[in-house]
Protein backbone atom coordinates (compact mmCIF):
# COMPACT_ATOMS: atom_id res chain seq x y z
CA MET A 1 -2.59 -16.39 14.98
CA LYS A 2 -5.80 -17.77 13.08
CA LEU A 3 -6.54 -20.07 15.98
CA LEU A 4 -6.09 -17.11 18.12
CA GLN A 5 -8.68 -15.36 16.39
CA TYR A 6 -11.10 -17.68 16.07
CA ILE A 7 -10.77 -18.26 19.95
CA CYS A 8 -11.35 -14.59 20.39
CA ILE A 9 -14.70 -14.42 18.12
CA ALA A 10 -15.99 -17.12 19.49
CA ILE A 11 -15.72 -15.68 23.10
CA LEU A 12 -17.38 -12.38 22.24
CA LEU A 13 -20.06 -13.94 20.60
CA MET A 14 -21.01 -16.28 23.26
CA THR A 15 -20.51 -13.34 25.78
CA GLY A 16 -23.61 -11.39 24.51
CA SER A 17 -25.37 -14.63 23.73
CA LEU A 18 -24.91 -15.66 27.52
CA GLN A 19 -26.12 -11.98 28.74
CA ALA A 20 -29.67 -13.17 26.57
CA GLN A 21 -29.56 -16.37 27.83
CA GLU A 22 -29.91 -15.68 31.47
CA ARG A 23 -32.81 -14.01 30.68
CA ASN A 24 -33.91 -17.00 28.24
CA GLU A 25 -34.17 -14.65 25.57
CA PRO A 26 -32.83 -14.90 22.04
CA ALA A 27 -30.69 -11.41 21.12
CA VAL A 28 -29.05 -10.15 18.21
CA ASN A 29 -24.81 -10.76 18.63
CA TRP A 30 -24.26 -6.98 18.05
CA LEU A 31 -20.58 -6.54 16.97
CA SER A 32 -18.25 -3.54 17.18
CA PHE A 33 -16.48 -2.16 14.50
CA GLU A 34 -13.57 -3.45 15.80
CA GLN A 35 -14.67 -7.03 15.95
CA LEU A 36 -16.12 -6.39 12.69
CA SER A 37 -12.82 -6.04 11.69
CA ASP A 38 -11.58 -9.16 12.90
CA SER A 39 -14.93 -11.21 11.87
CA LEU A 40 -14.75 -10.39 8.18
CA THR A 41 -10.85 -11.24 8.40
CA VAL A 42 -11.77 -14.71 9.14
CA ARG A 43 -15.12 -15.62 7.91
CA PRO A 44 -16.79 -13.02 5.35
CA LYS A 45 -20.55 -12.60 5.64
CA PRO A 46 -22.71 -10.07 4.77
CA VAL A 47 -23.00 -6.77 7.43
CA LEU A 48 -25.95 -5.19 8.78
CA ILE A 49 -24.85 -1.88 10.21
CA PHE A 50 -27.86 0.30 12.45
CA PHE A 51 -27.05 3.59 13.04
CA HIS A 52 -29.01 5.31 15.75
CA THR A 53 -29.19 7.79 18.28
CA ASP A 54 -30.39 8.46 21.93
CA TRP A 55 -32.96 10.82 21.04
CA CYS A 56 -34.51 8.62 17.83
CA SER A 57 -37.82 7.33 19.33
CA TYR A 58 -37.83 5.44 15.95
CA CYS A 59 -34.28 3.89 16.68
CA LYS A 60 -35.31 2.82 20.00
CA LYS A 61 -38.59 1.33 18.67
CA MET A 62 -36.14 -1.10 16.09
CA LEU A 63 -34.23 -1.74 19.09
CA GLY A 64 -37.22 -2.99 21.30
CA GLU A 65 -39.35 -4.38 18.85
CA THR A 66 -37.46 -5.40 15.30
CA PHE A 67 -34.21 -6.42 16.86
CA LYS A 68 -35.74 -8.66 19.18
CA ASP A 69 -38.22 -10.63 16.94
CA PRO A 70 -37.28 -14.14 16.65
CA LYS A 71 -37.06 -14.50 13.24
CA VAL A 72 -34.90 -11.33 12.59
CA ILE A 73 -32.37 -12.56 15.41
CA GLU A 74 -32.13 -15.87 13.77
CA LYS A 75 -31.37 -14.62 10.41
CA LEU A 76 -29.39 -12.09 11.45
CA ASN A 77 -27.32 -14.30 13.92
CA SER A 78 -27.30 -17.10 11.24
CA GLU A 79 -26.43 -15.26 7.70
CA TYR A 80 -25.15 -11.67 8.89
CA TYR A 81 -22.79 -9.77 11.43
CA ALA A 82 -24.41 -7.06 12.58
CA VAL A 83 -23.32 -3.70 14.00
CA GLU A 84 -25.01 -1.26 16.23
CA PHE A 85 -23.57 2.22 16.61
CA ASP A 86 -24.60 5.47 18.12
CA ALA A 87 -24.19 7.78 15.56
CA GLU A 88 -23.32 10.69 17.80
CA SER A 89 -20.52 8.64 19.53
CA VAL A 90 -17.69 10.13 20.43
CA ASP A 91 -15.52 7.09 21.12
CA THR A 92 -11.90 6.52 18.81
CA VAL A 93 -13.23 3.46 16.57
CA ARG A 94 -10.63 0.99 14.73
CA PHE A 95 -11.72 -0.54 11.58
CA ASP A 96 -10.35 -1.78 8.73
CA GLY A 97 -6.74 -0.23 9.60
CA GLU A 98 -8.02 2.82 9.86
CA ILE A 99 -8.88 5.08 13.34
CA TYR A 100 -11.82 7.19 13.57
CA ALA A 101 -11.76 9.88 15.81
CA SER A 102 -14.56 12.36 17.14
CA GLU A 103 -13.13 16.02 17.15
CA LEU A 104 -15.88 16.28 20.34
CA LYS A 105 -15.02 15.78 23.57
CA SER A 106 -19.00 15.04 24.51
CA LYS A 107 -22.08 13.77 22.64
CA ARG A 108 -23.77 16.67 20.60
CA THR A 109 -27.50 16.29 18.73
CA GLY A 110 -26.42 16.73 14.95
CA LYS A 111 -23.00 16.01 15.43
CA TYR A 112 -22.09 12.89 13.70
CA HIS A 113 -19.10 10.14 14.30
CA PRO A 114 -16.67 10.37 11.29
CA LEU A 115 -17.32 6.85 10.57
CA ALA A 116 -21.14 7.43 10.53
CA SER A 117 -20.97 10.09 7.95
CA ILE A 118 -18.68 8.24 6.00
CA LEU A 119 -21.06 5.30 6.01
CA MET A 120 -24.81 7.21 5.76
CA GLY A 121 -23.33 9.33 3.17
CA SER A 122 -25.22 12.14 3.86
CA LYS A 123 -22.77 14.78 5.59
CA ASN A 124 -25.40 17.42 5.86
CA ARG A 125 -28.75 15.68 6.02
CA ALA A 126 -28.82 12.65 8.41
CA VAL A 127 -31.80 10.77 9.00
CA PHE A 128 -32.56 8.29 12.16
CA PRO A 129 -32.65 5.20 12.15
CA THR A 130 -30.70 4.16 9.37
CA THR A 131 -29.95 0.40 8.00
CA ILE A 132 -27.40 -0.40 5.83
CA ILE A 133 -26.60 -3.76 4.42
CA LEU A 134 -23.17 -4.53 2.78
CA ASP A 135 -22.19 -7.68 0.46
CA THR A 136 -19.17 -9.61 1.74
CA ASP A 137 -16.90 -7.28 -0.30
CA PHE A 138 -18.19 -4.55 1.73
CA SER A 139 -20.37 -3.16 -1.48
CA MET A 140 -23.35 -0.94 -0.69
CA LYS A 141 -26.46 -3.53 -0.90
CA PHE A 142 -29.26 -2.12 0.83
CA LYS A 143 -29.66 1.78 2.93
CA LYS A 144 -32.69 2.89 4.17
CA PHE A 145 -33.03 5.69 6.34
CA ASN A 146 -36.18 4.91 8.41
CA TYR A 147 -38.15 2.85 10.58
CA LEU A 148 -38.12 -0.97 9.53
CA SER A 149 -40.85 -3.16 10.85
CA ILE A 150 -40.12 -6.82 11.29
CA LYS A 151 -41.86 -7.79 8.49
CA GLN A 152 -39.92 -5.32 6.46
CA LEU A 153 -36.42 -6.25 7.95
CA LEU A 154 -36.82 -9.64 7.42
CA ASN A 155 -38.00 -8.86 3.47
CA ILE A 156 -34.57 -7.09 2.94
CA LEU A 157 -32.68 -9.73 4.77
């Protein structure tokens, strides 16, 4: 069973890498929460979770600049699992043996996915982008509710 998990994780990680390699660009190996659960079971590592929304210009800037930097990519891919998640998603998410489902059928500004609300810890006031770093035991190591430059994120990592 463990061999099958290793194979599945390797295929998922290679898929993201191959898409970037086709353009000859390095890329962060973003995982879904479902993939994160499996990966943590096989090989515990710290986790970076990046919450964003479609309307957040600083979120787009981090995705387009900070997370495109080769040093950031190398550090994240080698030492962390990275999860990118739209906080206003209406998708059902399975994570850590639990199911997190939105009550909404379509995205709405200011209405956040239950998993995002739990992890961000801000039910009444959410600020984006939100970057969270969790230790291997899933304890909170770092939480920031604003734009992080390449230098700032590297210092945190």
